[in-house]
C-alpha cells in the first residue's frame, strides 16, 4: 500500500515539474515584454556573478591579506592593552578581577 502512494506522489511531482517547464518554455519563446525583461535581468545576474568570480580570483588574496592580521595579541597585531593607559578599571593597589568558582 505504501509503494502505491509513493509512486503516486512521485508521479504528481514529475507531472508538476513537467507542466511548469512546458509553461516556462512557452513563455520563454513568446515575444512578451515581461519575458524580455526577465531575459535581461537573468543575463545581468549571470554576468555579475561571472565578473565577481573572476575579480575574486584576481584580487581575492589581496583583500584577504588586508583583513588578516598577523602576529600575536588580542586581535592579531593589536596589543592587549593600550601602551599609554595604565588600565581601564585598575586603581592603585587593585588587583585584576579573577574568576573563582
N, C-alpha and C. Protein backbone atom coordinates (compact mmCIF):
# COMPACT_ATOMS: atom_id res chain seq x y z
N UNK A 1 0.83 -1.20 0.00
CA UNK A 1 0.00 0.00 0.00
C UNK A 1 0.87 1.26 0.00
N UNK A 2 1.97 1.22 0.74
CA UNK A 2 2.86 2.36 0.79
C UNK A 2 3.57 2.59 -0.54
N UNK A 3 3.86 1.54 -1.29
CA UNK A 3 4.53 1.67 -2.58
C UNK A 3 3.64 2.38 -3.59
N UNK A 4 2.35 2.10 -3.57
CA UNK A 4 1.43 2.76 -4.50
C UNK A 4 1.37 4.25 -4.19
N UNK A 5 1.33 4.59 -2.91
CA UNK A 5 1.28 6.00 -2.53
C UNK A 5 2.57 6.70 -2.95
N UNK A 6 3.71 6.05 -2.77
CA UNK A 6 4.98 6.64 -3.17
C UNK A 6 5.03 6.87 -4.67
N UNK A 7 4.56 5.91 -5.44
CA UNK A 7 4.54 6.06 -6.89
C UNK A 7 3.61 7.20 -7.31
N UNK A 8 2.46 7.28 -6.65
CA UNK A 8 1.51 8.36 -6.98
C UNK A 8 2.11 9.72 -6.62
N UNK A 9 2.77 9.80 -5.48
CA UNK A 9 3.40 11.05 -5.05
C UNK A 9 4.49 11.48 -6.02
N UNK A 10 5.34 10.54 -6.39
CA UNK A 10 6.41 10.86 -7.34
C UNK A 10 5.86 11.22 -8.71
N UNK A 11 4.78 10.55 -9.11
CA UNK A 11 4.15 10.86 -10.39
C UNK A 11 3.58 12.28 -10.40
N UNK A 12 2.96 12.69 -9.28
CA UNK A 12 2.43 14.05 -9.19
C UNK A 12 3.55 15.09 -9.23
N UNK A 13 4.64 14.79 -8.55
CA UNK A 13 5.77 15.73 -8.56
C UNK A 13 6.35 15.85 -9.97
N UNK A 14 6.50 14.72 -10.65
CA UNK A 14 7.04 14.74 -12.01
C UNK A 14 6.11 15.48 -12.95
N UNK A 15 4.80 15.27 -12.83
CA UNK A 15 3.83 15.97 -13.67
C UNK A 15 3.87 17.48 -13.40
N UNK A 16 3.99 17.86 -12.14
CA UNK A 16 4.05 19.28 -11.80
C UNK A 16 5.30 19.93 -12.39
N UNK A 17 6.43 19.25 -12.27
CA UNK A 17 7.67 19.80 -12.83
C UNK A 17 7.59 19.90 -14.35
N UNK A 18 7.03 18.87 -14.98
CA UNK A 18 6.92 18.87 -16.44
C UNK A 18 5.99 19.97 -16.92
N UNK A 19 4.87 20.17 -16.24
CA UNK A 19 3.95 21.23 -16.66
C UNK A 19 4.57 22.61 -16.44
N UNK A 20 5.30 22.78 -15.32
CA UNK A 20 5.97 24.06 -15.08
C UNK A 20 7.00 24.34 -16.16
N UNK A 21 7.79 23.32 -16.50
CA UNK A 21 8.82 23.52 -17.52
C UNK A 21 8.22 23.80 -18.89
N UNK A 22 7.11 23.14 -19.22
CA UNK A 22 6.49 23.40 -20.53
C UNK A 22 5.92 24.81 -20.59
N UNK A 23 5.30 25.28 -19.49
CA UNK A 23 4.81 26.66 -19.46
C UNK A 23 5.96 27.66 -19.52
N UNK A 24 7.06 27.33 -18.83
CA UNK A 24 8.22 28.22 -18.85
C UNK A 24 8.81 28.31 -20.25
N UNK A 25 8.91 27.19 -20.95
CA UNK A 25 9.44 27.21 -22.31
C UNK A 25 8.50 27.97 -23.23
N UNK A 26 7.20 27.78 -23.08
CA UNK A 26 6.24 28.53 -23.91
C UNK A 26 6.38 30.04 -23.68
N UNK A 27 6.51 30.43 -22.40
CA UNK A 27 6.68 31.85 -22.10
C UNK A 27 8.03 32.36 -22.60
N UNK A 28 9.06 31.51 -22.50
CA UNK A 28 10.40 31.92 -22.94
C UNK A 28 10.43 32.18 -24.44
N UNK A 29 9.70 31.39 -25.20
CA UNK A 29 9.69 31.55 -26.65
C UNK A 29 8.76 32.66 -27.13
N UNK A 30 7.87 33.10 -26.26
CA UNK A 30 6.97 34.19 -26.63
C UNK A 30 7.72 35.51 -26.62
N UNK A 31 7.34 36.41 -27.49
CA UNK A 31 7.95 37.74 -27.55
C UNK A 31 7.12 38.70 -26.70
N UNK A 32 7.16 38.47 -25.43
CA UNK A 32 6.40 39.27 -24.48
C UNK A 32 7.35 40.22 -23.76
N UNK A 33 6.83 41.34 -23.29
CA UNK A 33 7.68 42.33 -22.62
C UNK A 33 8.24 41.78 -21.32
N UNK A 34 7.43 41.08 -20.54
CA UNK A 34 7.92 40.55 -19.27
C UNK A 34 8.99 39.49 -19.47
N UNK A 35 8.88 38.74 -20.56
CA UNK A 35 9.91 37.75 -20.87
C UNK A 35 11.20 38.45 -21.27
N UNK A 36 11.08 39.52 -22.01
CA UNK A 36 12.27 40.28 -22.40
C UNK A 36 12.97 40.87 -21.17
N UNK A 37 12.19 41.41 -20.25
CA UNK A 37 12.76 41.97 -19.02
C UNK A 37 13.41 40.86 -18.20
N UNK A 38 12.75 39.70 -18.13
CA UNK A 38 13.31 38.57 -17.40
C UNK A 38 14.64 38.13 -18.02
N UNK A 39 14.70 38.07 -19.35
CA UNK A 39 15.94 37.67 -20.02
C UNK A 39 17.06 38.67 -19.75
N UNK A 40 16.72 39.96 -19.77
CA UNK A 40 17.73 40.99 -19.49
C UNK A 40 18.23 40.87 -18.06
N UNK A 41 17.32 40.71 -17.10
CA UNK A 41 17.73 40.60 -15.71
C UNK A 41 18.51 39.31 -15.44
N UNK A 42 18.11 38.24 -16.07
CA UNK A 42 18.83 36.98 -15.89
C UNK A 42 20.24 37.07 -16.47
N UNK A 43 20.36 37.68 -17.64
CA UNK A 43 21.70 37.83 -18.22
C UNK A 43 22.56 38.77 -17.38
N UNK A 44 21.97 39.83 -16.80
CA UNK A 44 22.72 40.73 -15.94
C UNK A 44 23.19 40.00 -14.67
N UNK A 45 22.34 39.16 -14.11
CA UNK A 45 22.71 38.39 -12.92
C UNK A 45 23.85 37.44 -13.22
N UNK A 46 23.77 36.73 -14.33
CA UNK A 46 24.82 35.79 -14.71
C UNK A 46 26.12 36.53 -14.98
N UNK A 47 26.05 37.64 -15.69
CA UNK A 47 27.25 38.44 -15.97
C UNK A 47 27.88 38.94 -14.68
N UNK A 48 27.06 39.41 -13.74
CA UNK A 48 27.58 39.93 -12.47
C UNK A 48 28.26 38.83 -11.67
N UNK A 49 27.65 37.65 -11.63
CA UNK A 49 28.26 36.55 -10.89
C UNK A 49 29.58 36.11 -11.50
N UNK A 50 29.64 36.09 -12.83
CA UNK A 50 30.89 35.73 -13.50
C UNK A 50 31.96 36.80 -13.24
N UNK A 51 31.58 38.07 -13.28
CA UNK A 51 32.53 39.16 -13.02
C UNK A 51 33.04 39.10 -11.58
N UNK A 52 32.16 38.82 -10.62
CA UNK A 52 32.57 38.70 -9.23
C UNK A 52 33.53 37.52 -9.06
N UNK A 53 33.24 36.43 -9.74
CA UNK A 53 34.09 35.24 -9.66
C UNK A 53 35.50 35.55 -10.15
N UNK A 54 35.61 36.18 -11.32
CA UNK A 54 36.92 36.50 -11.85
C UNK A 54 37.64 37.57 -11.03
N UNK A 55 36.90 38.55 -10.53
CA UNK A 55 37.52 39.57 -9.68
C UNK A 55 38.04 38.96 -8.39
N UNK A 56 37.32 37.99 -7.83
CA UNK A 56 37.78 37.36 -6.61
C UNK A 56 39.02 36.50 -6.89
N UNK A 57 39.05 35.88 -8.07
CA UNK A 57 40.24 35.09 -8.43
C UNK A 57 41.47 36.00 -8.54
N UNK A 58 41.29 37.20 -9.08
CA UNK A 58 42.42 38.11 -9.29
C UNK A 58 42.79 38.83 -7.99
N UNK A 59 41.81 39.40 -7.28
CA UNK A 59 42.07 40.25 -6.13
C UNK A 59 41.75 39.61 -4.78
N UNK A 60 41.36 38.36 -4.77
CA UNK A 60 40.94 37.71 -3.52
C UNK A 60 42.04 37.64 -2.48
N UNK A 61 43.24 37.28 -2.90
CA UNK A 61 44.34 37.20 -1.94
C UNK A 61 44.70 38.56 -1.38
N UNK A 62 44.63 39.60 -2.19
CA UNK A 62 44.93 40.95 -1.73
C UNK A 62 43.91 41.39 -0.68
N UNK A 63 42.64 41.14 -0.95
CA UNK A 63 41.59 41.52 0.01
C UNK A 63 41.73 40.72 1.29
N UNK A 64 42.03 39.44 1.16
CA UNK A 64 42.20 38.60 2.34
C UNK A 64 43.38 39.07 3.18
N UNK A 65 44.47 39.44 2.54
CA UNK A 65 45.65 39.91 3.27
C UNK A 65 45.40 41.25 3.95
N UNK A 66 44.53 42.07 3.39
CA UNK A 66 44.22 43.36 4.02
C UNK A 66 43.50 43.18 5.35
N UNK A 67 42.67 42.16 5.46
CA UNK A 67 41.86 41.97 6.65
C UNK A 67 42.38 40.89 7.58
N UNK A 68 43.43 40.18 7.20
CA UNK A 68 44.00 39.16 8.05
C UNK A 68 45.16 39.77 8.81
N UNK A 69 45.05 39.78 10.12
CA UNK A 69 46.09 40.39 10.94
C UNK A 69 47.05 39.30 11.40
N UNK A 70 48.31 39.54 11.20
CA UNK A 70 49.31 38.58 11.62
C UNK A 70 49.93 39.02 12.92
N UNK A 71 50.46 38.07 13.65
CA UNK A 71 51.13 38.39 14.90
C UNK A 71 50.34 37.93 16.10
N UNK A 72 50.94 38.07 17.26
CA UNK A 72 50.28 37.65 18.50
C UNK A 72 49.56 38.84 19.10
N UNK A 73 48.64 38.56 19.96
CA UNK A 73 47.92 39.62 20.63
C UNK A 73 46.43 39.36 20.62
N UNK A 74 45.70 40.35 21.06
CA UNK A 74 44.25 40.21 21.20
C UNK A 74 43.57 40.01 19.85
N UNK A 75 43.83 40.86 18.90
CA UNK A 75 43.22 40.77 17.57
C UNK A 75 44.30 40.69 16.51
N UNK A 76 45.18 39.76 16.63
CA UNK A 76 46.25 39.68 15.66
C UNK A 76 47.40 40.57 16.07
N UNK A 77 47.60 41.67 15.35
CA UNK A 77 48.73 42.54 15.60
C UNK A 77 48.48 43.60 16.65
N UNK A 78 47.26 43.72 17.19
CA UNK A 78 46.99 44.77 18.18
C UNK A 78 47.45 44.31 19.55
N UNK A 79 47.96 45.21 20.37
CA UNK A 79 48.41 44.82 21.71
C UNK A 79 47.22 44.55 22.62
N UNK A 80 47.48 43.86 23.74
CA UNK A 80 46.41 43.53 24.68
C UNK A 80 45.87 44.77 25.37
N UNK A 81 46.72 45.70 25.73
CA UNK A 81 46.29 46.95 26.36
C UNK A 81 46.97 48.11 25.65
N UNK A 82 46.39 49.26 25.78
CA UNK A 82 46.98 50.45 25.18
C UNK A 82 48.23 50.83 25.97
N UNK A 83 49.33 51.16 25.28
CA UNK A 83 50.59 51.43 26.00
C UNK A 83 50.55 52.70 26.84
N UNK A 84 49.73 53.70 26.49
CA UNK A 84 49.74 54.95 27.24
C UNK A 84 48.74 54.96 28.39
N UNK A 85 47.94 53.88 28.54
CA UNK A 85 47.00 53.79 29.65
C UNK A 85 47.48 52.73 30.62
N UNK A 86 47.25 52.98 31.92
CA UNK A 86 47.68 52.00 32.91
C UNK A 86 46.68 50.85 33.00
N UNK A 87 45.46 51.08 32.66
CA UNK A 87 44.43 50.04 32.70
C UNK A 87 43.07 50.69 32.73
N UNK A 88 42.08 50.00 32.32
CA UNK A 88 40.74 50.59 32.23
C UNK A 88 40.09 50.72 33.61
N UNK A 89 40.11 49.66 34.38
CA UNK A 89 39.41 49.69 35.67
C UNK A 89 40.35 49.53 36.84
N UNK A 90 41.63 49.57 36.60
CA UNK A 90 42.56 49.33 37.70
C UNK A 90 42.86 50.64 38.42
N UNK A 91 42.86 50.55 39.73
CA UNK A 91 43.25 51.68 40.57
C UNK A 91 44.54 51.29 41.28
N UNK A 92 45.13 52.19 41.92
CA UNK A 92 46.38 51.89 42.63
C UNK A 92 46.09 50.87 43.72
N UNK A 93 46.82 49.76 43.72
CA UNK A 93 46.65 48.75 44.74
C UNK A 93 45.59 47.72 44.40
N UNK A 94 44.78 47.93 43.35
CA UNK A 94 43.75 46.96 42.97
C UNK A 94 44.40 45.83 42.18
N UNK A 95 43.92 44.67 42.41
CA UNK A 95 44.34 43.56 41.57
C UNK A 95 43.27 43.33 40.51
N UNK A 96 43.63 42.67 39.44
CA UNK A 96 42.66 42.42 38.39
C UNK A 96 41.60 41.45 38.86
N UNK A 97 40.47 41.48 38.22
CA UNK A 97 39.39 40.57 38.58
C UNK A 97 39.77 39.16 38.16
N UNK A 98 39.55 38.23 39.07
CA UNK A 98 39.89 36.83 38.82
C UNK A 98 38.63 36.00 38.97
N UNK A 99 38.42 35.08 38.08
CA UNK A 99 37.26 34.20 38.14
C UNK A 99 37.52 33.09 39.14
N UNK A 100 36.65 32.94 40.11
CA UNK A 100 36.77 31.87 41.09
C UNK A 100 35.46 31.12 41.18
N UNK A 101 35.57 29.83 41.37
CA UNK A 101 34.35 29.01 41.49
C UNK A 101 34.07 28.69 42.92
